[in-house]
N, C-alpha and C. Protein backbone atom coordinates (compact mmCIF):
# COMPACT_ATOMS: atom_id res chain seq x y z
N MET A 1 -5.19 111.05 -79.14
CA MET A 1 -6.30 110.77 -79.47
C MET A 1 -6.58 111.92 -78.58
N SER A 2 -7.51 112.63 -79.47
CA SER A 2 -8.36 114.16 -79.36
C SER A 2 -9.53 113.54 -78.32
N PHE A 3 -9.69 114.06 -77.63
CA PHE A 3 -10.82 113.73 -76.41
C PHE A 3 -12.12 113.96 -77.81
N LEU A 4 -12.19 115.50 -79.43
CA LEU A 4 -12.98 115.33 -79.89
C LEU A 4 -12.61 113.74 -81.17
N THR A 5 -11.63 113.67 -81.78
CA THR A 5 -12.02 112.05 -81.95
C THR A 5 -12.72 110.44 -81.83
N LEU A 6 -11.78 110.85 -80.37
CA LEU A 6 -12.24 110.11 -79.09
C LEU A 6 -14.26 109.87 -78.89
N LEU A 7 -14.19 111.19 -78.92
CA LEU A 7 -16.60 111.43 -78.63
C LEU A 7 -16.99 111.27 -79.95
N THR A 8 -16.33 112.19 -81.22
CA THR A 8 -16.65 111.23 -82.54
C THR A 8 -17.22 109.15 -82.78
N ASN A 9 -16.07 108.71 -82.41
CA ASN A 9 -15.41 106.96 -82.64
C ASN A 9 -16.52 106.67 -81.61
N LEU A 10 -17.03 106.91 -80.28
CA LEU A 10 -17.96 106.44 -79.45
C LEU A 10 -19.21 106.75 -79.02
N LEU A 11 -19.44 108.15 -79.61
CA LEU A 11 -20.61 108.30 -79.08
C LEU A 11 -21.78 107.36 -79.47
N PRO A 12 -21.55 106.79 -80.96
CA PRO A 12 -22.62 106.09 -81.02
C PRO A 12 -22.87 104.56 -80.73
N THR A 13 -21.60 104.69 -80.20
CA THR A 13 -21.46 103.26 -80.01
C THR A 13 -22.62 103.14 -78.33
N LEU A 14 -22.02 104.21 -77.52
CA LEU A 14 -22.50 104.85 -76.62
C LEU A 14 -24.10 104.98 -76.85
N LEU A 15 -24.73 105.52 -77.36
CA LEU A 15 -26.52 105.88 -77.63
C LEU A 15 -26.84 104.05 -78.13
N THR A 16 -26.20 103.34 -78.69
CA THR A 16 -26.36 102.50 -79.27
C THR A 16 -26.98 101.23 -77.78
N VAL A 17 -25.56 101.35 -76.45
CA VAL A 17 -25.53 100.78 -75.18
C VAL A 17 -26.67 101.49 -74.56
N LEU A 18 -26.84 102.61 -75.00
CA LEU A 18 -27.58 103.21 -73.99
C LEU A 18 -29.61 102.71 -74.25
N LEU A 19 -29.74 102.65 -76.14
CA LEU A 19 -30.52 102.90 -76.41
C LEU A 19 -31.18 101.51 -76.28
N ILE A 20 -29.97 100.16 -76.24
CA ILE A 20 -30.82 98.23 -76.42
C ILE A 20 -30.76 98.37 -74.39
N ALA A 21 -29.87 99.39 -73.44
CA ALA A 21 -30.69 99.03 -72.28
C ALA A 21 -32.12 99.51 -71.62
N VAL A 22 -31.95 100.37 -72.47
CA VAL A 22 -33.13 101.18 -72.12
C VAL A 22 -33.83 99.87 -72.88
N GLY A 23 -34.45 99.92 -73.63
CA GLY A 23 -34.58 98.71 -74.43
C GLY A 23 -35.97 97.09 -73.74
N ILE A 24 -34.08 96.82 -73.05
CA ILE A 24 -34.70 95.54 -72.34
C ILE A 24 -35.15 95.99 -71.57
N VAL A 25 -35.29 97.07 -70.41
CA VAL A 25 -36.30 97.69 -69.71
C VAL A 25 -37.28 97.72 -69.83
N VAL A 26 -37.71 98.05 -71.00
CA VAL A 26 -39.03 98.77 -71.47
C VAL A 26 -40.01 96.91 -71.98
N ILE A 27 -39.35 95.85 -72.28
CA ILE A 27 -39.76 94.42 -72.89
C ILE A 27 -40.23 94.09 -71.21
N GLY A 28 -38.41 94.18 -70.36
CA GLY A 28 -39.17 93.54 -68.54
C GLY A 28 -40.07 93.94 -68.41
N MET A 29 -41.23 95.38 -68.75
CA MET A 29 -41.80 95.91 -68.35
C MET A 29 -42.93 95.04 -68.69
N ASN A 30 -42.71 94.89 -69.67
CA ASN A 30 -44.33 94.20 -70.17
C ASN A 30 -44.69 93.04 -70.77
N ARG A 31 -43.24 91.83 -69.69
CA ARG A 31 -43.13 90.89 -69.82
C ARG A 31 -44.49 90.75 -69.91
N ARG A 32 -44.88 90.15 -68.33
CA ARG A 32 -46.19 89.33 -68.65
C ARG A 32 -47.71 89.89 -69.68
N HIS A 33 -47.58 91.22 -69.93
CA HIS A 33 -48.62 91.11 -71.42
C HIS A 33 -48.24 90.78 -72.75
N VAL A 34 -46.39 90.18 -72.23
CA VAL A 34 -46.82 89.72 -73.94
C VAL A 34 -46.13 88.45 -74.17
N GLY A 35 -45.96 87.56 -72.74
CA GLY A 35 -45.18 86.31 -73.00
C GLY A 35 -44.33 86.54 -73.57
N ARG A 36 -44.03 85.18 -74.29
CA ARG A 36 -43.25 84.53 -74.90
C ARG A 36 -41.90 84.89 -75.85
N ALA A 37 -42.96 86.06 -76.69
CA ALA A 37 -42.32 87.16 -77.01
C ALA A 37 -41.28 88.44 -76.78
N ALA A 38 -41.50 88.55 -75.37
CA ALA A 38 -40.78 89.47 -74.77
C ALA A 38 -39.09 88.79 -74.22
N THR A 39 -39.61 87.70 -73.72
CA THR A 39 -38.48 86.18 -73.37
C THR A 39 -37.27 86.62 -74.77
N LEU A 40 -38.44 86.29 -76.32
CA LEU A 40 -37.69 86.29 -77.42
C LEU A 40 -36.71 87.48 -77.20
N GLY A 41 -37.57 89.09 -77.37
CA GLY A 41 -36.88 89.78 -77.52
C GLY A 41 -35.85 90.67 -76.30
N MET A 42 -35.77 90.19 -75.13
CA MET A 42 -34.94 90.68 -73.95
C MET A 42 -33.74 89.85 -74.14
N SER A 43 -33.91 88.11 -74.54
CA SER A 43 -32.80 87.90 -74.92
C SER A 43 -31.67 88.55 -76.38
N GLY A 44 -32.58 88.74 -77.33
CA GLY A 44 -32.08 89.63 -78.39
C GLY A 44 -31.36 90.73 -77.81
N CYS A 45 -31.93 91.74 -77.72
CA CYS A 45 -31.50 93.42 -76.97
C CYS A 45 -30.72 92.76 -76.00
N GLY A 46 -29.84 91.77 -75.17
CA GLY A 46 -28.89 90.81 -74.49
C GLY A 46 -27.41 91.21 -75.00
N LEU A 47 -28.49 89.96 -76.25
CA LEU A 47 -26.79 89.44 -77.13
C LEU A 47 -26.25 91.14 -77.85
N LEU A 48 -27.07 91.99 -77.98
CA LEU A 48 -26.79 92.96 -79.09
C LEU A 48 -26.04 93.64 -78.31
N LEU A 49 -26.50 93.94 -76.70
CA LEU A 49 -25.64 94.52 -75.48
C LEU A 49 -24.71 93.88 -75.76
N ILE A 50 -24.09 92.91 -75.23
CA ILE A 50 -23.05 92.25 -75.96
C ILE A 50 -21.85 92.60 -76.24
N GLY A 51 -23.08 92.42 -77.55
CA GLY A 51 -21.86 93.10 -78.73
C GLY A 51 -21.87 94.53 -79.01
N ALA A 52 -22.43 95.01 -78.60
CA ALA A 52 -21.91 96.98 -78.79
C ALA A 52 -20.94 96.95 -77.47
N LEU A 53 -20.80 96.01 -76.09
CA LEU A 53 -20.10 96.74 -75.27
C LEU A 53 -18.49 95.07 -75.91
N ILE A 54 -18.57 94.63 -76.97
CA ILE A 54 -17.33 94.13 -77.17
C ILE A 54 -16.47 95.69 -77.32
N ASN A 55 -17.67 96.15 -79.10
CA ASN A 55 -17.35 97.09 -79.82
C ASN A 55 -16.42 98.13 -79.13
N LEU A 56 -17.23 98.78 -77.97
CA LEU A 56 -16.86 99.71 -77.00
C LEU A 56 -15.95 99.33 -76.48
N VAL A 57 -15.39 98.14 -76.03
CA VAL A 57 -13.72 97.80 -75.05
C VAL A 57 -13.13 97.85 -76.63
N LEU A 58 -13.94 97.51 -77.33
CA LEU A 58 -12.70 97.61 -79.08
C LEU A 58 -11.54 98.57 -79.02
N SER A 59 -12.98 99.36 -79.79
CA SER A 59 -12.42 100.75 -79.77
C SER A 59 -12.17 101.92 -78.60
N LEU A 60 -11.72 101.46 -77.71
CA LEU A 60 -11.28 101.65 -76.62
C LEU A 60 -9.76 101.83 -76.28
N LEU A 61 -9.15 100.37 -76.66
CA LEU A 61 -8.33 99.52 -76.31
C LEU A 61 -7.68 99.18 -77.52
N THR A 62 -8.34 99.19 -78.89
CA THR A 62 -7.73 98.91 -80.50
C THR A 62 -6.35 99.72 -80.24
N GLN A 63 -6.07 100.58 -79.94
CA GLN A 63 -5.29 101.36 -79.87
C GLN A 63 -3.76 101.31 -79.45
N SER A 64 -4.18 101.46 -77.59
CA SER A 64 -2.76 100.56 -76.87
C SER A 64 -2.93 99.01 -77.09
N LEU A 65 -3.82 99.06 -77.74
CA LEU A 65 -3.39 97.40 -78.06
C LEU A 65 -2.06 97.47 -78.82
N ILE A 66 -2.36 98.17 -79.61
CA ILE A 66 -1.60 97.80 -81.18
C ILE A 66 -0.24 98.26 -80.58
N GLU A 67 -0.71 99.83 -79.88
CA GLU A 67 0.78 100.01 -79.50
C GLU A 67 1.49 98.95 -78.66
N SER A 68 1.42 98.29 -77.95
CA SER A 68 1.98 97.43 -76.20
C SER A 68 2.78 96.53 -77.89
N TYR A 69 1.01 95.87 -77.83
CA TYR A 69 2.04 94.59 -78.49
C TYR A 69 2.24 94.63 -80.47
N GLY A 70 2.14 95.65 -80.59
CA GLY A 70 2.57 95.77 -82.49
C GLY A 70 1.84 94.89 -83.02
N SER A 71 1.83 94.71 -83.95
CA SER A 71 1.66 93.92 -85.39
C SER A 71 0.64 92.75 -85.20
N SER A 72 1.57 92.45 -84.07
CA SER A 72 0.86 91.05 -83.77
C SER A 72 -0.71 91.21 -82.90
N MET A 73 -0.56 91.98 -82.66
CA MET A 73 -2.36 92.09 -82.53
C MET A 73 -3.05 92.60 -83.25
N MET A 74 -2.92 92.94 -84.59
CA MET A 74 -3.34 92.86 -85.59
C MET A 74 -4.34 90.96 -85.50
N ALA A 75 -3.62 90.68 -86.16
CA ALA A 75 -4.03 89.19 -86.48
C ALA A 75 -5.04 88.31 -85.24
N VAL A 76 -5.82 89.30 -84.61
CA VAL A 76 -6.10 88.87 -83.27
C VAL A 76 -7.61 90.14 -83.00
N LEU A 77 -7.14 91.20 -83.57
CA LEU A 77 -8.99 92.64 -83.53
C LEU A 77 -10.04 91.93 -85.03
N PRO A 78 -9.68 91.04 -85.81
CA PRO A 78 -10.38 90.79 -86.31
C PRO A 78 -10.92 89.76 -86.26
N PHE A 79 -10.61 88.79 -85.33
CA PHE A 79 -11.12 87.69 -84.64
C PHE A 79 -12.42 87.91 -83.67
N ALA A 80 -11.99 89.47 -83.27
CA ALA A 80 -12.96 90.14 -81.61
C ALA A 80 -13.94 91.06 -82.25
N TYR A 81 -13.41 91.39 -83.36
CA TYR A 81 -14.72 91.98 -84.06
C TYR A 81 -15.84 90.60 -85.18
N LEU A 82 -15.48 89.72 -85.50
CA LEU A 82 -16.19 88.50 -85.85
C LEU A 82 -16.57 88.08 -84.67
N ILE A 83 -16.31 87.61 -83.63
CA ILE A 83 -17.23 87.65 -82.23
C ILE A 83 -18.59 88.80 -82.08
N SER A 84 -17.85 90.07 -81.72
CA SER A 84 -19.19 90.83 -81.78
C SER A 84 -20.63 90.82 -82.83
N SER A 85 -19.98 90.78 -84.10
CA SER A 85 -20.85 90.48 -85.66
C SER A 85 -21.57 88.98 -85.41
N LEU A 86 -21.42 88.45 -84.51
CA LEU A 86 -21.76 86.73 -84.67
C LEU A 86 -22.89 87.58 -83.49
N PHE A 87 -22.59 88.03 -82.04
CA PHE A 87 -23.61 87.85 -80.68
C PHE A 87 -24.50 89.27 -81.61
N HIS A 88 -24.43 90.89 -82.92
CA HIS A 88 -25.03 91.57 -83.35
C HIS A 88 -26.21 90.08 -84.48
N LEU A 89 -25.60 89.40 -84.85
CA LEU A 89 -25.98 88.75 -86.23
C LEU A 89 -27.60 87.44 -85.36
N ALA A 90 -26.98 87.06 -83.96
CA ALA A 90 -27.57 86.57 -83.41
C ALA A 90 -29.17 87.17 -82.73
N GLY A 91 -28.59 87.96 -81.85
CA GLY A 91 -29.65 89.39 -81.23
C GLY A 91 -31.22 90.24 -82.06
N ILE A 92 -30.60 90.59 -83.22
CA ILE A 92 -31.52 91.30 -84.69
C ILE A 92 -31.77 89.41 -84.97
N GLY A 93 -31.89 88.28 -84.51
CA GLY A 93 -32.69 87.13 -85.63
C GLY A 93 -33.52 86.85 -83.64
N LEU A 94 -33.56 87.07 -82.94
CA LEU A 94 -34.11 86.78 -82.51
C LEU A 94 -34.78 87.88 -82.21
N LEU A 95 -34.57 88.95 -82.14
CA LEU A 95 -35.82 90.69 -82.13
C LEU A 95 -36.06 89.88 -83.37
N ILE A 96 -36.11 89.65 -84.16
CA ILE A 96 -37.06 89.37 -85.48
C ILE A 96 -37.95 87.95 -84.69
N TRP A 97 -37.84 87.03 -84.61
CA TRP A 97 -38.18 86.17 -83.96
C TRP A 97 -39.43 86.38 -82.91
N ALA A 98 -38.82 88.05 -82.68
CA ALA A 98 -39.84 88.11 -81.51
C ALA A 98 -41.60 88.55 -81.34
N VAL A 99 -40.27 89.26 -82.80
CA VAL A 99 -41.74 90.15 -83.06
C VAL A 99 -42.72 89.32 -84.37
N VAL A 100 -41.84 88.33 -85.09
CA VAL A 100 -43.49 87.15 -85.64
C VAL A 100 -43.49 86.32 -84.65
N ALA A 101 -42.95 85.89 -83.43
CA ALA A 101 -43.73 84.84 -81.97
C ALA A 101 -45.20 84.89 -81.98
N ARG A 102 -45.98 83.73 -81.40
CA ARG A 102 -47.40 84.14 -81.44
C ARG A 102 -47.39 84.93 -80.10
N ARG A 103 -48.34 85.33 -80.09
CA ARG A 103 -48.22 85.99 -78.21
C ARG A 103 -49.59 85.30 -78.02
N SER A 104 -49.16 85.25 -76.37
CA SER A 104 -50.55 84.61 -76.36
C SER A 104 -51.35 85.44 -75.50
N ALA A 105 -52.66 84.93 -75.96
CA ALA A 105 -53.76 85.54 -76.34
C ALA A 105 -54.60 86.80 -75.19
N PRO A 106 -54.87 87.64 -74.88
CA PRO A 106 -55.40 88.29 -73.94
C PRO A 106 -56.53 87.40 -73.40
N ARG A 107 -56.80 87.87 -72.60
CA ARG A 107 -57.96 86.98 -71.68
C ARG A 107 -58.80 87.34 -71.85
N GLN A 108 -60.08 86.93 -73.13
CA GLN A 108 -61.77 87.33 -73.20
C GLN A 108 -62.16 85.57 -73.24
N ALA A 109 -63.25 86.32 -73.33
CA ALA A 109 -64.79 84.89 -72.45
C ALA A 109 -64.58 83.74 -73.39
N GLN A 110 -64.50 82.70 -72.11
CA GLN A 110 -64.05 81.21 -72.97
C GLN A 110 -64.78 81.66 -74.02
N PRO A 111 -64.60 80.53 -74.77
CA PRO A 111 -65.03 79.63 -75.91
C PRO A 111 -65.85 79.01 -75.96
N GLN A 112 -67.44 79.23 -76.41
CA GLN A 112 -68.16 78.16 -76.06
C GLN A 112 -68.67 76.53 -76.80
N GLY A 113 -68.67 75.34 -76.04
CA GLY A 113 -68.00 74.25 -77.07
C GLY A 113 -67.23 73.68 -76.66
N PRO A 114 -67.31 72.23 -77.61
CA PRO A 114 -66.49 71.21 -77.27
C PRO A 114 -65.30 71.87 -76.56
N GLY A 115 -64.74 72.80 -78.01
CA GLY A 115 -63.23 73.13 -76.88
C GLY A 115 -62.79 74.20 -76.08
N ARG A 116 -64.40 74.14 -75.06
CA ARG A 116 -64.30 75.12 -73.77
C ARG A 116 -63.44 74.36 -72.66
N GLN A 117 -62.25 75.31 -72.59
CA GLN A 117 -61.54 74.64 -71.15
C GLN A 117 -62.56 74.86 -69.82
N GLN A 118 -61.97 73.62 -69.10
CA GLN A 118 -62.19 73.67 -68.14
C GLN A 118 -61.87 74.05 -67.10
N PRO A 119 -63.14 75.12 -65.80
CA PRO A 119 -62.66 75.82 -65.17
C PRO A 119 -61.04 75.25 -63.81
N PRO A 120 -61.11 75.64 -63.16
CA PRO A 120 -59.60 74.74 -62.56
C PRO A 120 -60.91 74.29 -61.12
N ALA A 121 -60.18 72.68 -60.53
CA ALA A 121 -60.99 72.79 -59.03
C ALA A 121 -61.01 73.49 -58.06
N GLY A 122 -62.53 73.29 -57.39
CA GLY A 122 -62.80 73.78 -57.22
C GLY A 122 -63.68 75.17 -57.19
N TRP A 123 -63.88 75.57 -58.60
CA TRP A 123 -63.92 77.58 -58.50
C TRP A 123 -65.56 76.99 -58.71
N GLN A 124 -66.68 77.15 -58.88
CA GLN A 124 -68.54 77.84 -58.70
C GLN A 124 -68.35 78.68 -59.37
N GLN A 125 -69.57 78.77 -60.43
CA GLN A 125 -70.22 80.01 -61.13
C GLN A 125 -70.63 80.70 -59.77
N PRO A 126 -70.64 81.71 -60.16
CA PRO A 126 -71.61 82.71 -58.85
C PRO A 126 -73.08 82.88 -59.22
N GLN A 127 -73.33 82.27 -58.12
CA GLN A 127 -74.68 82.26 -58.13
C GLN A 127 -75.13 84.09 -58.50
N GLN A 128 -76.23 84.49 -58.98
CA GLN A 128 -76.79 85.63 -59.18
C GLN A 128 -78.44 85.44 -59.53
N PRO A 129 -79.44 85.73 -58.04
CA PRO A 129 -80.64 85.79 -58.21
C PRO A 129 -81.41 86.28 -59.37
N TYR A 130 -81.97 85.49 -59.18
CA TYR A 130 -83.23 85.30 -61.11
C TYR A 130 -84.27 86.86 -60.51
N HIS A 131 -83.98 87.79 -62.13
CA HIS A 131 -84.91 89.06 -62.28
C HIS A 131 -85.46 88.79 -63.17
N GLN A 132 -86.20 88.79 -63.59
CA GLN A 132 -88.09 89.43 -64.45
C GLN A 132 -87.31 90.67 -64.30
N PRO A 133 -87.76 90.32 -66.73
CA PRO A 133 -87.18 91.85 -66.87
C PRO A 133 -87.87 92.69 -67.48
N TYR A 134 -89.76 92.86 -67.82
CA TYR A 134 -90.74 93.03 -67.47
C TYR A 134 -91.57 92.26 -66.37
N PRO A 135 -92.29 93.22 -66.24
CA PRO A 135 -93.63 92.67 -65.25
C PRO A 135 -94.34 91.46 -65.84
N GLN A 136 -94.51 90.73 -64.90
CA GLN A 136 -95.32 89.54 -65.53
C GLN A 136 -96.99 89.95 -65.67
N PRO A 137 -98.02 90.08 -66.34
CA PRO A 137 -99.74 90.34 -66.11
C PRO A 137 -100.08 89.92 -65.22
N GLY A 138 -101.03 90.06 -64.66
CA GLY A 138 -102.19 89.14 -63.85
C GLY A 138 -101.16 89.45 -62.30
N PRO A 139 -102.35 89.32 -61.05
CA PRO A 139 -101.49 89.13 -60.16
C PRO A 139 -101.11 88.65 -59.48
N GLN A 140 -99.95 89.28 -58.44
CA GLN A 140 -98.54 89.54 -58.02
C GLN A 140 -99.02 88.47 -57.00
N PRO A 141 -98.36 87.70 -55.83
CA PRO A 141 -98.56 87.11 -54.92
C PRO A 141 -97.86 88.50 -54.41
N GLY A 142 -98.75 88.37 -53.01
CA GLY A 142 -98.58 89.20 -51.94
C GLY A 142 -98.88 91.18 -52.53
N HIS A 143 -98.94 90.68 -53.82
CA HIS A 143 -99.77 92.58 -54.28
C HIS A 143 -101.25 93.29 -54.35
N GLN A 144 -101.13 93.76 -53.52
CA GLN A 144 -102.97 94.23 -53.96
C GLN A 144 -102.92 95.44 -54.77
N PRO A 145 -104.55 95.49 -55.53
CA PRO A 145 -104.48 96.18 -56.83
C PRO A 145 -104.65 97.27 -56.38
N GLY A 146 -103.92 98.16 -56.81
CA GLY A 146 -103.98 99.46 -56.21
C GLY A 146 -103.25 100.35 -55.38
N HIS A 147 -102.03 99.73 -54.73
CA HIS A 147 -101.51 99.61 -54.12
C HIS A 147 -100.06 99.17 -54.66
N GLN A 148 -99.24 100.47 -55.20
CA GLN A 148 -97.12 99.84 -55.25
C GLN A 148 -96.28 99.86 -54.12
N ALA A 149 -96.17 98.49 -54.35
CA ALA A 149 -95.09 99.06 -53.20
C ALA A 149 -93.71 99.22 -52.68
N GLY A 150 -93.11 99.55 -53.72
CA GLY A 150 -92.20 100.98 -53.49
C GLY A 150 -92.10 101.29 -55.26
N PRO A 151 -90.81 102.15 -55.33
CA PRO A 151 -90.75 102.38 -57.06
C PRO A 151 -91.04 101.52 -57.39
N GLN A 152 -90.55 101.26 -58.94
CA GLN A 152 -90.59 100.47 -60.00
C GLN A 152 -89.66 100.54 -60.74
N ALA A 153 -88.48 99.49 -61.16
CA ALA A 153 -87.18 99.34 -62.54
C ALA A 153 -87.52 99.94 -63.62
N GLY A 154 -87.07 100.77 -63.97
CA GLY A 154 -87.38 101.26 -65.39
C GLY A 154 -86.74 102.59 -64.87
N TRP A 155 -87.42 103.21 -66.54
CA TRP A 155 -87.90 104.93 -66.32
C TRP A 155 -89.51 105.04 -66.31
N GLN A 156 -89.41 106.20 -65.47
CA GLN A 156 -91.38 105.86 -65.46
C GLN A 156 -91.77 107.71 -65.76
N ALA A 157 -92.45 107.97 -65.80
CA ALA A 157 -93.03 109.05 -66.82
C ALA A 157 -92.88 110.02 -65.10
N PRO A 158 -92.51 111.43 -65.23
CA PRO A 158 -92.75 112.20 -64.56
C PRO A 158 -94.46 112.58 -63.59
N GLN A 159 -94.42 112.38 -62.60
CA GLN A 159 -95.83 112.44 -61.77
C GLN A 159 -95.50 113.85 -61.62
N PRO A 160 -97.65 114.44 -61.26
CA PRO A 160 -96.97 115.88 -61.04
C PRO A 160 -96.80 115.99 -59.92
N PRO A 161 -96.54 117.26 -58.85
CA PRO A 161 -96.50 117.29 -57.66
C PRO A 161 -98.19 117.40 -57.07
N PRO A 162 -97.96 117.28 -55.74
CA PRO A 162 -99.54 116.96 -55.02
C PRO A 162 -99.68 118.60 -55.04
N GLY A 163 -101.04 118.93 -55.16
CA GLY A 163 -101.56 119.81 -54.49
C GLY A 163 -101.89 120.22 -56.06
N GLY A 164 -101.81 120.31 -56.87
CA GLY A 164 -102.23 120.88 -58.19
C GLY A 164 -100.65 121.17 -59.13
N ASP A 165 -101.43 121.85 -60.22
CA ASP A 165 -100.55 122.69 -61.23
C ASP A 165 -99.84 124.08 -60.39
N GLN A 166 -98.63 124.29 -59.82
CA GLN A 166 -97.56 125.37 -59.12
C GLN A 166 -97.42 126.13 -60.07
N SER A 167 -96.99 126.34 -61.31
CA SER A 167 -96.37 127.09 -62.36
C SER A 167 -95.91 128.19 -61.95
N GLY A 168 -97.16 129.21 -61.54
CA GLY A 168 -97.46 130.50 -61.69
C GLY A 168 -98.33 130.84 -62.75
N TYR A 169 -98.58 130.03 -63.76
CA TYR A 169 -99.21 130.87 -65.15
C TYR A 169 -100.67 130.68 -64.82
């Protein structure tokens, strides 16, 4: 068998094996975010990889097996291809299942109401100081009229510089 014939027969299978291996790595890296769907996808890719490797081995060894064992090997080859096809079917089925599988929802705000989940034991609500959004009218405790204790929160109109207008006009 010439190199060109071998390359044209094996190249699609080798590219398939490479693509499936990359798929397993990418799905494995995303496993934490996707959950059960990633596990199903990795399993499907694993079965596809096994089927592709069986096809690769069969395509490499078929000619030499027929030359070594004669026509008796012709009865075994369809069984080997059937096994490979079953791996492919199961792998594709798992990939489809992974696509339609319910993904775990990303962590968002907890629902309010009776279906709300309880926080873990020992967890306490962080305490935040009470801030009044607007100043209250009337005298404040410890406040002297006409005296500001410091900068006020929020937008303030710009104050003219001390000493009058120095714009030069």
